[in-house]
Amino acid sequence: RKALPKPDASQLQRQYVAPSTEQEQQMASIWADVLKVERVG
């Protein structure tokens, strides 16, 4: 953990881009469930 860089909060400020294909939608849904967030993109 000490070797990891500190999180860059500016990365969270980017505009959301929704998944565009069926495969991307499925992957985003899985990651949203795993991360317990509303949307992943």
Protein backbone atom coordinates (compact mmCIF):
# COMPACT_ATOMS: atom_id res chain seq x y z
CA ARG A 1 0.00 0.00 0.00
CA LYS A 2 2.84 2.36 0.72
CA ALA A 3 4.06 1.93 -2.86
CA LEU A 4 0.73 3.00 -4.35
CA PRO A 5 0.28 6.63 -5.41
CA LYS A 6 -2.31 8.72 -3.61
CA PRO A 7 -5.70 8.76 -5.38
CA ASP A 8 -6.16 11.62 -7.84
CA ALA A 9 -9.55 13.20 -7.10
CA SER A 10 -9.49 15.05 -10.42
CA GLN A 11 -10.11 11.72 -12.13
CA LEU A 12 -13.53 11.63 -10.49
CA GLN A 13 -14.53 14.96 -12.01
CA ARG A 14 -14.51 13.73 -15.60
CA GLN A 15 -17.73 13.63 -17.56
CA TYR A 16 -19.60 10.33 -17.35
CA VAL A 17 -19.59 8.29 -20.55
CA ALA A 18 -22.18 5.51 -20.57
CA PRO A 19 -21.36 2.03 -21.86
CA SER A 20 -22.17 1.84 -25.56
CA THR A 21 -22.25 -1.88 -26.34
CA GLU A 22 -24.08 -4.79 -24.73
CA GLN A 23 -20.77 -6.18 -23.46
CA GLU A 24 -19.80 -2.81 -21.92
CA GLN A 25 -23.23 -2.58 -20.28
CA GLN A 26 -22.83 -6.04 -18.75
CA MET A 27 -19.33 -5.27 -17.48
CA ALA A 28 -20.43 -1.92 -16.06
CA SER A 29 -23.33 -3.60 -14.29
CA ILE A 30 -21.02 -6.18 -12.72
CA TRP A 31 -18.54 -3.53 -11.54
CA ALA A 32 -21.32 -1.31 -10.21
CA ASP A 33 -22.54 -4.26 -8.10
CA VAL A 34 -19.01 -5.10 -6.90
CA LEU A 35 -18.16 -1.49 -6.05
CA LYS A 36 -21.64 -0.73 -4.68
CA VAL A 37 -21.98 2.38 -6.84
CA GLU A 38 -24.83 3.58 -9.01
CA ARG A 39 -22.96 3.76 -12.30
CA VAL A 40 -19.62 2.85 -13.79
CA GLY A 41 -18.38 4.24 -17.07
